[in-house]
Amino acid sequence: MQAAETLTTKEPGTGLHPLRMLLWLMMLSISMIFAAYTSAYIVRRDEGNWLEFELPSILLINTLIIAASSATVQWAWFSARRDEIRRTQIGLGLTLALGIAFLIGQWQVWVELVQNHIFFGGVDSNPSGSFMYVLTGVHAFHLITGLIFLMIVIRKTIRYQVHSRQMLSIGNVTIYWHFLGGLWLYLYLFLLLNH
């Protein structure tokens, strides 16, 4: 009884559940981190000693993968609203698989950078390469947190704790996953336009 009451509790004055409010605050802080990194990128590039190199082509493939994962997580959310639990599980499972594929793609980006003698830090490195590792690495870290969040929600669907009357967890993971996709699109376009 007490657990059910906590799920419906809303924050006074905001109309938001405390977990939803926490999610929005977390996404705001992540956005500020990436705004700082991209601002630092522009400032540092303009100071000179900046190595121009071709962006790895797999970045485009990763962008398509994360866009597809946004579609699958949204499909899972719609399925949960209609109490189609099996489709919800499939949608979340596909999102998880696509998220893992994205991380593998990021690893390939780093492998390609190393093969092209673009390193992070150290004597032989250039700030442009270091920024590339930081931007993609910090995003990958947040994507890993999204994958963990997805696994928790998948477990909840297996226990029938996600359905049309309990949408908070799948709603939160859907919002966060779309945020990660939007953040990646921002980073990809930023790198294309400022590289």
N, C-alpha and C. Protein backbone atom coordinates (compact mmCIF):
# COMPACT_ATOMS: atom_id res chain seq x y z
N MET A 1 0.82 -1.19 0.00
CA MET A 1 0.00 0.00 0.00
C MET A 1 0.86 1.25 0.00
N GLN A 2 1.90 1.25 0.83
CA GLN A 2 2.77 2.42 0.93
C GLN A 2 3.55 2.64 -0.37
N ALA A 3 4.00 1.54 -1.05
CA ALA A 3 4.73 1.67 -2.31
C ALA A 3 3.85 2.28 -3.39
N ALA A 4 2.58 1.88 -3.42
CA ALA A 4 1.65 2.44 -4.41
C ALA A 4 1.44 3.93 -4.18
N GLU A 5 1.41 4.35 -2.92
CA GLU A 5 1.23 5.77 -2.62
C GLU A 5 2.44 6.58 -3.07
N THR A 6 3.65 6.01 -2.94
CA THR A 6 4.84 6.76 -3.36
C THR A 6 4.88 6.96 -4.87
N LEU A 7 4.32 6.04 -5.62
CA LEU A 7 4.33 6.17 -7.07
C LEU A 7 3.44 7.31 -7.55
N THR A 8 2.41 7.62 -6.79
CA THR A 8 1.49 8.66 -7.24
C THR A 8 1.75 10.01 -6.57
N THR A 9 2.67 10.06 -5.61
CA THR A 9 2.97 11.31 -4.93
C THR A 9 3.54 12.31 -5.90
N LYS A 10 3.05 13.53 -5.83
CA LYS A 10 3.58 14.59 -6.68
C LYS A 10 4.20 15.65 -5.81
N GLU A 11 5.20 16.31 -6.37
CA GLU A 11 5.91 17.37 -5.66
C GLU A 11 4.98 18.58 -5.54
N PRO A 12 4.78 19.10 -4.32
CA PRO A 12 3.92 20.27 -4.17
C PRO A 12 4.48 21.45 -4.96
N GLY A 13 3.62 22.14 -5.66
CA GLY A 13 4.01 23.34 -6.39
C GLY A 13 4.47 23.09 -7.81
N THR A 14 4.92 21.86 -8.13
CA THR A 14 5.40 21.59 -9.49
C THR A 14 4.44 20.69 -10.26
N GLY A 15 3.69 19.88 -9.55
CA GLY A 15 2.81 18.92 -10.21
C GLY A 15 3.57 17.73 -10.77
N LEU A 16 4.87 17.65 -10.49
CA LEU A 16 5.69 16.54 -10.98
C LEU A 16 6.00 15.56 -9.87
N HIS A 17 6.08 14.30 -10.25
CA HIS A 17 6.55 13.28 -9.31
C HIS A 17 8.00 13.60 -8.97
N PRO A 18 8.44 13.39 -7.73
CA PRO A 18 9.83 13.71 -7.35
C PRO A 18 10.88 13.03 -8.25
N LEU A 19 10.61 11.81 -8.70
CA LEU A 19 11.57 11.14 -9.57
C LEU A 19 11.63 11.80 -10.94
N ARG A 20 10.49 12.29 -11.42
CA ARG A 20 10.49 13.01 -12.71
C ARG A 20 11.23 14.33 -12.56
N MET A 21 11.01 15.02 -11.44
CA MET A 21 11.71 16.28 -11.18
C MET A 21 13.21 16.05 -11.10
N LEU A 22 13.63 14.98 -10.43
CA LEU A 22 15.04 14.63 -10.34
C LEU A 22 15.63 14.36 -11.72
N LEU A 23 14.88 13.67 -12.57
CA LEU A 23 15.32 13.38 -13.93
C LEU A 23 15.55 14.68 -14.71
N TRP A 24 14.62 15.62 -14.62
CA TRP A 24 14.77 16.90 -15.33
C TRP A 24 15.98 17.67 -14.82
N LEU A 25 16.21 17.65 -13.52
CA LEU A 25 17.37 18.34 -12.96
C LEU A 25 18.67 17.68 -13.42
N MET A 26 18.67 16.36 -13.47
CA MET A 26 19.85 15.63 -13.93
C MET A 26 20.14 15.96 -15.39
N MET A 27 19.10 15.98 -16.23
CA MET A 27 19.31 16.28 -17.65
C MET A 27 19.78 17.73 -17.83
N LEU A 28 19.30 18.62 -16.99
CA LEU A 28 19.76 20.01 -17.05
C LEU A 28 21.25 20.10 -16.72
N SER A 29 21.68 19.38 -15.69
CA SER A 29 23.10 19.42 -15.32
C SER A 29 23.97 18.78 -16.39
N ILE A 30 23.50 17.70 -17.01
CA ILE A 30 24.25 17.08 -18.11
C ILE A 30 24.36 18.04 -19.28
N SER A 31 23.27 18.74 -19.58
CA SER A 31 23.28 19.73 -20.67
C SER A 31 24.31 20.81 -20.39
N MET A 32 24.39 21.25 -19.14
CA MET A 32 25.36 22.29 -18.78
C MET A 32 26.80 21.78 -18.95
N ILE A 33 27.02 20.52 -18.62
CA ILE A 33 28.36 19.94 -18.81
C ILE A 33 28.75 19.98 -20.28
N PHE A 34 27.83 19.56 -21.15
CA PHE A 34 28.16 19.53 -22.58
C PHE A 34 28.23 20.93 -23.17
N ALA A 35 27.46 21.86 -22.65
CA ALA A 35 27.57 23.25 -23.10
C ALA A 35 28.96 23.79 -22.74
N ALA A 36 29.45 23.44 -21.56
CA ALA A 36 30.80 23.87 -21.15
C ALA A 36 31.87 23.24 -22.03
N TYR A 37 31.75 21.93 -22.31
CA TYR A 37 32.73 21.25 -23.15
C TYR A 37 32.76 21.83 -24.56
N THR A 38 31.59 22.04 -25.15
CA THR A 38 31.57 22.55 -26.52
C THR A 38 32.04 24.00 -26.57
N SER A 39 31.75 24.78 -25.54
CA SER A 39 32.28 26.15 -25.48
C SER A 39 33.80 26.13 -25.37
N ALA A 40 34.32 25.26 -24.52
CA ALA A 40 35.77 25.13 -24.36
C ALA A 40 36.41 24.69 -25.68
N TYR A 41 35.74 23.81 -26.41
CA TYR A 41 36.22 23.34 -27.71
C TYR A 41 36.42 24.52 -28.65
N ILE A 42 35.41 25.39 -28.75
CA ILE A 42 35.48 26.54 -29.65
C ILE A 42 36.59 27.51 -29.22
N VAL A 43 36.67 27.80 -27.92
CA VAL A 43 37.70 28.72 -27.42
C VAL A 43 39.09 28.15 -27.68
N ARG A 44 39.29 26.87 -27.39
CA ARG A 44 40.62 26.26 -27.56
C ARG A 44 41.00 26.17 -29.03
N ARG A 45 40.04 25.86 -29.90
CA ARG A 45 40.32 25.77 -31.34
C ARG A 45 40.83 27.11 -31.88
N ASP A 46 40.24 28.20 -31.41
CA ASP A 46 40.61 29.53 -31.89
C ASP A 46 41.98 29.99 -31.38
N GLU A 47 42.55 29.29 -30.40
CA GLU A 47 43.87 29.65 -29.87
C GLU A 47 45.01 29.13 -30.74
N GLY A 48 44.72 28.28 -31.71
CA GLY A 48 45.76 27.74 -32.58
C GLY A 48 46.24 26.38 -32.12
N ASN A 49 47.29 25.85 -32.83
CA ASN A 49 47.82 24.52 -32.55
C ASN A 49 46.69 23.47 -32.54
N TRP A 50 45.88 23.52 -33.57
CA TRP A 50 44.70 22.66 -33.65
C TRP A 50 44.83 21.75 -34.86
N LEU A 51 44.89 20.47 -34.64
CA LEU A 51 45.03 19.50 -35.73
C LEU A 51 43.67 19.20 -36.33
N GLU A 52 43.55 19.44 -37.62
CA GLU A 52 42.32 19.07 -38.32
C GLU A 52 42.46 17.63 -38.81
N PHE A 53 41.46 16.82 -38.57
CA PHE A 53 41.47 15.45 -39.06
C PHE A 53 40.05 15.08 -39.48
N GLU A 54 39.97 14.08 -40.32
CA GLU A 54 38.67 13.65 -40.82
C GLU A 54 37.92 12.90 -39.72
N LEU A 55 36.66 13.26 -39.54
CA LEU A 55 35.85 12.56 -38.54
C LEU A 55 35.61 11.12 -38.98
N PRO A 56 35.68 10.18 -38.05
CA PRO A 56 35.40 8.78 -38.41
C PRO A 56 33.99 8.63 -39.00
N SER A 57 33.89 7.89 -40.08
CA SER A 57 32.60 7.73 -40.78
C SER A 57 31.56 7.00 -39.93
N ILE A 58 32.02 6.23 -38.97
CA ILE A 58 31.08 5.47 -38.14
C ILE A 58 30.21 6.39 -37.27
N LEU A 59 30.62 7.65 -37.12
CA LEU A 59 29.80 8.60 -36.35
C LEU A 59 28.41 8.75 -36.97
N LEU A 60 28.35 8.74 -38.30
CA LEU A 60 27.04 8.83 -38.98
C LEU A 60 26.22 7.58 -38.71
N ILE A 61 26.86 6.42 -38.77
CA ILE A 61 26.16 5.16 -38.49
C ILE A 61 25.64 5.17 -37.06
N ASN A 62 26.46 5.64 -36.12
CA ASN A 62 26.03 5.73 -34.73
C ASN A 62 24.83 6.66 -34.58
N THR A 63 24.81 7.74 -35.35
CA THR A 63 23.69 8.67 -35.30
C THR A 63 22.41 7.98 -35.75
N LEU A 64 22.50 7.18 -36.80
CA LEU A 64 21.33 6.43 -37.29
C LEU A 64 20.89 5.39 -36.26
N ILE A 65 21.86 4.74 -35.61
CA ILE A 65 21.54 3.73 -34.60
C ILE A 65 20.79 4.37 -33.43
N ILE A 66 21.28 5.51 -32.95
CA ILE A 66 20.63 6.13 -31.79
C ILE A 66 19.26 6.69 -32.16
N ALA A 67 19.11 7.13 -33.41
CA ALA A 67 17.78 7.60 -33.87
C ALA A 67 16.80 6.42 -33.90
N ALA A 68 17.27 5.27 -34.37
CA ALA A 68 16.41 4.07 -34.38
C ALA A 68 16.05 3.65 -32.96
N SER A 69 16.99 3.79 -32.04
CA SER A 69 16.71 3.40 -30.64
C SER A 69 15.68 4.33 -30.01
N SER A 70 15.65 5.58 -30.44
CA SER A 70 14.62 6.50 -29.95
C SER A 70 13.24 6.04 -30.41
N ALA A 71 13.18 5.54 -31.65
CA ALA A 71 11.90 5.04 -32.17
C ALA A 71 11.45 3.79 -31.40
N THR A 72 12.39 2.90 -31.07
CA THR A 72 12.00 1.66 -30.38
C THR A 72 11.57 1.93 -28.94
N VAL A 73 12.23 2.87 -28.26
CA VAL A 73 11.83 3.17 -26.88
C VAL A 73 10.46 3.85 -26.87
N GLN A 74 10.19 4.68 -27.89
CA GLN A 74 8.88 5.32 -27.96
C GLN A 74 7.79 4.29 -28.24
N TRP A 75 8.10 3.31 -29.09
CA TRP A 75 7.16 2.22 -29.38
C TRP A 75 6.86 1.44 -28.09
N ALA A 76 7.90 1.20 -27.29
CA ALA A 76 7.71 0.50 -26.01
C ALA A 76 6.79 1.30 -25.10
N TRP A 77 6.97 2.61 -25.06
CA TRP A 77 6.13 3.47 -24.21
C TRP A 77 4.67 3.41 -24.66
N PHE A 78 4.44 3.54 -25.98
CA PHE A 78 3.07 3.44 -26.50
C PHE A 78 2.46 2.08 -26.19
N SER A 79 3.26 1.02 -26.31
CA SER A 79 2.78 -0.33 -26.02
C SER A 79 2.39 -0.47 -24.55
N ALA A 80 3.19 0.10 -23.65
CA ALA A 80 2.87 0.05 -22.22
C ALA A 80 1.56 0.77 -21.93
N ARG A 81 1.34 1.89 -22.59
CA ARG A 81 0.07 2.64 -22.40
C ARG A 81 -1.14 1.82 -22.82
N ARG A 82 -0.94 0.91 -23.77
CA ARG A 82 -2.03 0.05 -24.24
C ARG A 82 -2.02 -1.32 -23.55
N ASP A 83 -1.20 -1.45 -22.50
CA ASP A 83 -1.08 -2.71 -21.75
C ASP A 83 -0.61 -3.88 -22.63
N GLU A 84 0.15 -3.60 -23.64
CA GLU A 84 0.74 -4.65 -24.49
C GLU A 84 2.14 -4.94 -23.95
N ILE A 85 2.17 -5.72 -22.89
CA ILE A 85 3.40 -5.93 -22.13
C ILE A 85 4.48 -6.60 -22.97
N ARG A 86 4.10 -7.59 -23.77
CA ARG A 86 5.10 -8.30 -24.59
C ARG A 86 5.75 -7.32 -25.58
N ARG A 87 4.96 -6.48 -26.22
CA ARG A 87 5.52 -5.49 -27.15
C ARG A 87 6.38 -4.47 -26.41
N THR A 88 5.99 -4.15 -25.20
CA THR A 88 6.79 -3.24 -24.38
C THR A 88 8.16 -3.85 -24.14
N GLN A 89 8.19 -5.13 -23.78
CA GLN A 89 9.45 -5.82 -23.53
C GLN A 89 10.30 -5.89 -24.79
N ILE A 90 9.66 -6.16 -25.92
CA ILE A 90 10.40 -6.24 -27.20
C ILE A 90 10.99 -4.86 -27.53
N GLY A 91 10.19 -3.81 -27.39
CA GLY A 91 10.66 -2.46 -27.69
C GLY A 91 11.83 -2.06 -26.81
N LEU A 92 11.73 -2.37 -25.52
CA LEU A 92 12.83 -2.04 -24.60
C LEU A 92 14.06 -2.89 -24.90
N GLY A 93 13.83 -4.16 -25.24
CA GLY A 93 14.95 -5.04 -25.59
C GLY A 93 15.67 -4.56 -26.85
N LEU A 94 14.90 -4.13 -27.85
CA LEU A 94 15.51 -3.58 -29.07
C LEU A 94 16.30 -2.31 -28.76
N THR A 95 15.74 -1.48 -27.88
CA THR A 95 16.43 -0.25 -27.49
C THR A 95 17.75 -0.58 -26.80
N LEU A 96 17.71 -1.57 -25.92
CA LEU A 96 18.93 -2.01 -25.23
C LEU A 96 19.97 -2.51 -26.24
N ALA A 97 19.54 -3.33 -27.19
CA ALA A 97 20.45 -3.87 -28.21
C ALA A 97 21.04 -2.74 -29.05
N LEU A 98 20.22 -1.79 -29.45
CA LEU A 98 20.71 -0.67 -30.25
C LEU A 98 21.67 0.21 -29.43
N GLY A 99 21.38 0.37 -28.14
CA GLY A 99 22.28 1.13 -27.27
C GLY A 99 23.64 0.46 -27.16
N ILE A 100 23.65 -0.85 -27.06
CA ILE A 100 24.91 -1.60 -27.01
C ILE A 100 25.64 -1.47 -28.35
N ALA A 101 24.88 -1.55 -29.45
CA ALA A 101 25.48 -1.38 -30.79
C ALA A 101 26.12 0.01 -30.91
N PHE A 102 25.45 1.02 -30.34
CA PHE A 102 26.00 2.37 -30.36
C PHE A 102 27.33 2.42 -29.61
N LEU A 103 27.40 1.78 -28.44
CA LEU A 103 28.65 1.77 -27.67
C LEU A 103 29.76 1.05 -28.42
N ILE A 104 29.42 -0.03 -29.08
CA ILE A 104 30.41 -0.74 -29.90
C ILE A 104 30.90 0.18 -31.02
N GLY A 105 29.97 0.94 -31.60
CA GLY A 105 30.34 1.92 -32.62
C GLY A 105 31.27 2.98 -32.06
N GLN A 106 31.01 3.43 -30.83
CA GLN A 106 31.89 4.42 -30.21
C GLN A 106 33.29 3.83 -30.01
N TRP A 107 33.34 2.58 -29.62
CA TRP A 107 34.64 1.93 -29.45
C TRP A 107 35.38 1.93 -30.79
N GLN A 108 34.66 1.65 -31.88
CA GLN A 108 35.26 1.64 -33.21
C GLN A 108 35.77 3.03 -33.59
N VAL A 109 35.05 4.08 -33.17
CA VAL A 109 35.50 5.45 -33.40
C VAL A 109 36.86 5.65 -32.75
N TRP A 110 36.99 5.23 -31.49
CA TRP A 110 38.25 5.40 -30.77
C TRP A 110 39.36 4.57 -31.39
N VAL A 111 39.03 3.35 -31.84
CA VAL A 111 40.03 2.51 -32.52
C VAL A 111 40.53 3.20 -33.78
N GLU A 112 39.59 3.78 -34.55
CA GLU A 112 39.98 4.48 -35.78
C GLU A 112 40.84 5.71 -35.47
N LEU A 113 40.51 6.42 -34.40
CA LEU A 113 41.32 7.57 -34.01
C LEU A 113 42.75 7.15 -33.67
N VAL A 114 42.88 6.07 -32.91
CA VAL A 114 44.22 5.58 -32.54
C VAL A 114 44.98 5.13 -33.78
N GLN A 115 44.29 4.44 -34.71
CA GLN A 115 44.95 4.00 -35.94
C GLN A 115 45.46 5.19 -36.75
N ASN A 116 44.77 6.33 -36.64
CA ASN A 116 45.18 7.54 -37.35
C ASN A 116 46.11 8.42 -36.51
N HIS A 117 46.64 7.85 -35.43
CA HIS A 117 47.61 8.53 -34.54
C HIS A 117 47.02 9.79 -33.90
N ILE A 118 45.75 9.70 -33.54
CA ILE A 118 45.08 10.78 -32.82
C ILE A 118 44.81 10.24 -31.42
N PHE A 119 45.53 10.80 -30.45
CA PHE A 119 45.50 10.24 -29.10
C PHE A 119 44.90 11.22 -28.11
N PHE A 120 44.60 10.70 -26.93
CA PHE A 120 44.09 11.52 -25.83
C PHE A 120 45.26 11.88 -24.92
N GLY A 121 45.48 13.19 -24.72
CA GLY A 121 46.53 13.64 -23.79
C GLY A 121 47.91 13.18 -24.22
N GLY A 122 48.88 13.43 -23.38
CA GLY A 122 50.23 12.97 -23.64
C GLY A 122 51.00 13.89 -24.58
N VAL A 123 52.25 13.54 -24.81
CA VAL A 123 53.17 14.35 -25.60
C VAL A 123 52.77 14.38 -27.07
N ASP A 124 52.34 13.24 -27.60
CA ASP A 124 52.03 13.14 -29.03
C ASP A 124 50.62 13.59 -29.38
N SER A 125 49.86 14.06 -28.42
CA SER A 125 48.45 14.37 -28.69
C SER A 125 48.26 15.82 -29.08
N ASN A 126 47.10 16.08 -29.65
CA ASN A 126 46.69 17.42 -30.02
C ASN A 126 45.37 17.69 -29.33
N PRO A 127 45.10 18.93 -28.92
CA PRO A 127 43.85 19.20 -28.22
C PRO A 127 42.60 18.77 -28.98
N SER A 128 42.63 18.83 -30.32
CA SER A 128 41.45 18.46 -31.09
C SER A 128 41.09 16.99 -30.86
N GLY A 129 42.12 16.13 -30.83
CA GLY A 129 41.87 14.71 -30.57
C GLY A 129 41.38 14.47 -29.15
N SER A 130 41.98 15.19 -28.21
CA SER A 130 41.56 15.03 -26.81
C SER A 130 40.09 15.43 -26.63
N PHE A 131 39.69 16.53 -27.27
CA PHE A 131 38.28 16.93 -27.18
C PHE A 131 37.36 15.87 -27.78
N MET A 132 37.80 15.25 -28.87
CA MET A 132 36.98 14.21 -29.50
C MET A 132 36.76 13.05 -28.53
N TYR A 133 37.82 12.64 -27.83
CA TYR A 133 37.69 11.57 -26.85
C TYR A 133 36.78 11.98 -25.70
N VAL A 134 36.94 13.20 -25.21
CA VAL A 134 36.15 13.66 -24.06
C VAL A 134 34.67 13.74 -24.43
N LEU A 135 34.35 14.39 -25.56
CA LEU A 135 32.95 14.56 -25.94
C LEU A 135 32.26 13.21 -26.16
N THR A 136 32.92 12.32 -26.90
CA THR A 136 32.30 11.02 -27.17
C THR A 136 32.33 10.12 -25.93
N GLY A 137 33.39 10.24 -25.14
CA GLY A 137 33.51 9.40 -23.94
C GLY A 137 32.51 9.76 -22.86
N VAL A 138 32.31 11.05 -22.62
CA VAL A 138 31.35 11.46 -21.59
C VAL A 138 29.93 11.11 -22.04
N HIS A 139 29.66 11.25 -23.34
CA HIS A 139 28.34 10.83 -23.83
C HIS A 139 28.17 9.31 -23.66
N ALA A 140 29.22 8.56 -23.97
CA ALA A 140 29.15 7.09 -23.81
C ALA A 140 28.88 6.72 -22.36
N PHE A 141 29.51 7.43 -21.42
CA PHE A 141 29.26 7.17 -20.00
C PHE A 141 27.78 7.37 -19.67
N HIS A 142 27.20 8.47 -20.16
CA HIS A 142 25.79 8.72 -19.87
C HIS A 142 24.90 7.71 -20.58
N LEU A 143 25.34 7.23 -21.75
CA LEU A 143 24.56 6.20 -22.42
C LEU A 143 24.58 4.90 -21.62
N ILE A 144 25.70 4.60 -20.98
CA ILE A 144 25.77 3.41 -20.12
C ILE A 144 24.77 3.55 -18.97
N THR A 145 24.66 4.75 -18.40
CA THR A 145 23.65 4.94 -17.33
C THR A 145 22.25 4.72 -17.89
N GLY A 146 22.03 5.13 -19.14
CA GLY A 146 20.74 4.89 -19.79
C GLY A 146 20.47 3.41 -19.99
N LEU A 147 21.51 2.65 -20.33
CA LEU A 147 21.36 1.20 -20.51
C LEU A 147 21.02 0.52 -19.18
N ILE A 148 21.65 0.98 -18.12
CA ILE A 148 21.34 0.42 -16.79
C ILE A 148 19.88 0.72 -16.44
N PHE A 149 19.47 1.94 -16.68
CA PHE A 149 18.08 2.36 -16.45
C PHE A 149 17.12 1.49 -17.28
N LEU A 150 17.48 1.24 -18.55
CA LEU A 150 16.65 0.38 -19.41
C LEU A 150 16.52 -1.03 -18.82
N MET A 151 17.64 -1.58 -18.33
CA MET A 151 17.61 -2.93 -17.77
C MET A 151 16.70 -3.00 -16.54
N ILE A 152 16.72 -1.95 -15.74
CA ILE A 152 15.85 -1.91 -14.56
C ILE A 152 14.38 -1.91 -15.00
N VAL A 153 14.06 -1.12 -16.03
CA VAL A 153 12.67 -1.05 -16.50
C VAL A 153 12.27 -2.35 -17.18
N ILE A 154 13.19 -2.99 -17.90
CA ILE A 154 12.89 -4.29 -18.50
C ILE A 154 12.55 -5.29 -17.40
N ARG A 155 13.33 -5.29 -16.33
CA ARG A 155 13.03 -6.19 -15.20
C ARG A 155 11.65 -5.90 -14.62
N LYS A 156 11.30 -4.62 -14.54
CA LYS A 156 9.97 -4.26 -14.04
C LYS A 156 8.87 -4.76 -14.97
N THR A 157 9.11 -4.74 -16.29
CA THR A 157 8.08 -5.24 -17.20
C THR A 157 7.91 -6.75 -17.06
N ILE A 158 9.00 -7.44 -16.79
CA ILE A 158 8.93 -8.89 -16.59
C ILE A 158 8.10 -9.21 -15.34
N ARG A 159 8.18 -8.33 -14.34
CA ARG A 159 7.41 -8.51 -13.09
C ARG A 159 6.03 -7.86 -13.17
N TYR A 160 5.63 -7.40 -14.36
CA TYR A 160 4.34 -6.75 -14.60
C TYR A 160 4.15 -5.52 -13.73
N GLN A 161 5.25 -4.77 -13.54
CA GLN A 161 5.19 -3.53 -12.77
C GLN A 161 5.16 -2.32 -13.69
N VAL A 162 5.04 -2.56 -14.99
CA VAL A 162 4.91 -1.48 -15.98
C VAL A 162 3.68 -1.79 -16.82
N HIS A 163 2.73 -0.88 -16.77
CA HIS A 163 1.50 -1.01 -17.56
C HIS A 163 0.81 0.35 -17.56
N SER A 164 -0.38 0.41 -18.10
CA SER A 164 -1.06 1.71 -18.29
C SER A 164 -1.29 2.46 -16.99
N ARG A 165 -1.30 1.77 -15.86
CA ARG A 165 -1.52 2.45 -14.58
C ARG A 165 -0.22 2.68 -13.82
N GLN A 166 0.89 2.19 -14.34
CA GLN A 166 2.22 2.42 -13.75
C GLN A 166 3.20 2.78 -14.85
N MET A 167 3.15 4.04 -15.27
CA MET A 167 3.93 4.50 -16.41
C MET A 167 5.17 5.33 -16.01
N LEU A 168 5.36 5.56 -14.73
CA LEU A 168 6.42 6.46 -14.30
C LEU A 168 7.81 5.99 -14.76
N SER A 169 8.15 4.73 -14.49
CA SER A 169 9.50 4.26 -14.82
C SER A 169 9.74 4.23 -16.33
N ILE A 170 8.77 3.74 -17.09
CA ILE A 170 8.98 3.70 -18.54
C ILE A 170 8.91 5.11 -19.13
N GLY A 171 8.11 5.98 -18.52
CA GLY A 171 8.07 7.38 -18.95
C GLY A 171 9.41 8.06 -18.72
N ASN A 172 10.01 7.82 -17.56
CA ASN A 172 11.30 8.42 -17.25
C ASN A 172 12.41 7.90 -18.15
N VAL A 173 12.43 6.58 -18.39
CA VAL A 173 13.49 6.04 -19.24
C VAL A 173 13.32 6.51 -20.67
N THR A 174 12.07 6.68 -21.11
CA THR A 174 11.82 7.18 -22.47
C THR A 174 12.30 8.62 -22.61
N ILE A 175 11.99 9.45 -21.63
CA ILE A 175 12.45 10.85 -21.66
C ILE A 175 13.99 10.90 -21.66
N TYR A 176 14.61 10.13 -20.79
CA TYR A 176 16.07 10.14 -20.68
C TYR A 176 16.71 9.64 -21.97
N TRP A 177 16.13 8.60 -22.56
CA TRP A 177 16.71 8.04 -23.78
C TRP A 177 16.59 9.03 -24.94
N HIS A 178 15.44 9.69 -25.05
CA HIS A 178 15.29 10.72 -26.08
C HIS A 178 16.29 11.86 -25.85
N PHE A 179 16.50 12.20 -24.58
CA PHE A 179 17.48 13.23 -24.24
C PHE A 179 18.88 12.83 -24.71
N LEU A 180 19.28 11.57 -24.45
CA LEU A 180 20.59 11.09 -24.89
C LEU A 180 20.71 11.12 -26.41
N GLY A 181 19.63 10.76 -27.09
CA GLY A 181 19.63 10.81 -28.55
C GLY A 181 19.76 12.24 -29.06
N GLY A 182 19.02 13.15 -28.45
CA GLY A 182 19.10 14.56 -28.83
C GLY A 182 20.48 15.13 -28.54
N LEU A 183 21.04 14.74 -27.42
CA LEU A 183 22.38 15.20 -27.04
C LEU A 183 23.41 14.70 -28.05
N TRP A 184 23.29 13.43 -28.48
CA TRP A 184 24.21 12.91 -29.47
C TRP A 184 24.06 13.66 -30.79
N LEU A 185 22.83 13.93 -31.21
CA LEU A 185 22.61 14.66 -32.45
C LEU A 185 23.27 16.04 -32.37
N TYR A 186 23.14 16.70 -31.23
CA TYR A 186 23.80 17.99 -31.02
C TYR A 186 25.32 17.85 -31.17
N LEU A 187 25.89 16.83 -30.51
CA LEU A 187 27.35 16.63 -30.57
C LEU A 187 27.81 16.33 -31.99
N TYR A 188 27.07 15.48 -32.68
CA TYR A 188 27.44 15.11 -34.05
C TYR A 188 27.42 16.33 -34.96
N LEU A 189 26.34 17.10 -34.88
CA LEU A 189 26.25 18.31 -35.71
C LEU A 189 27.31 19.33 -35.32
N PHE A 190 27.55 19.45 -34.01
CA PHE A 190 28.59 20.36 -33.53
C PHE A 190 29.95 19.99 -34.12
N LEU A 191 30.29 18.70 -34.08
CA LEU A 191 31.57 18.26 -34.60
C LEU A 191 31.65 18.45 -36.12
N LEU A 192 30.55 18.19 -36.81
CA LEU A 192 30.54 18.40 -38.27
C LEU A 192 30.77 19.86 -38.63
N LEU A 193 30.12 20.75 -37.89
CA LEU A 193 30.18 22.17 -38.23
C LEU A 193 31.42 22.87 -37.70
N ASN A 194 32.02 22.33 -36.66
CA ASN A 194 33.16 23.00 -36.02
C ASN A 194 34.46 22.25 -36.13
N HIS A 195 34.52 21.27 -36.98
CA HIS A 195 35.71 20.45 -37.07
C HIS A 195 36.59 20.97 -38.18
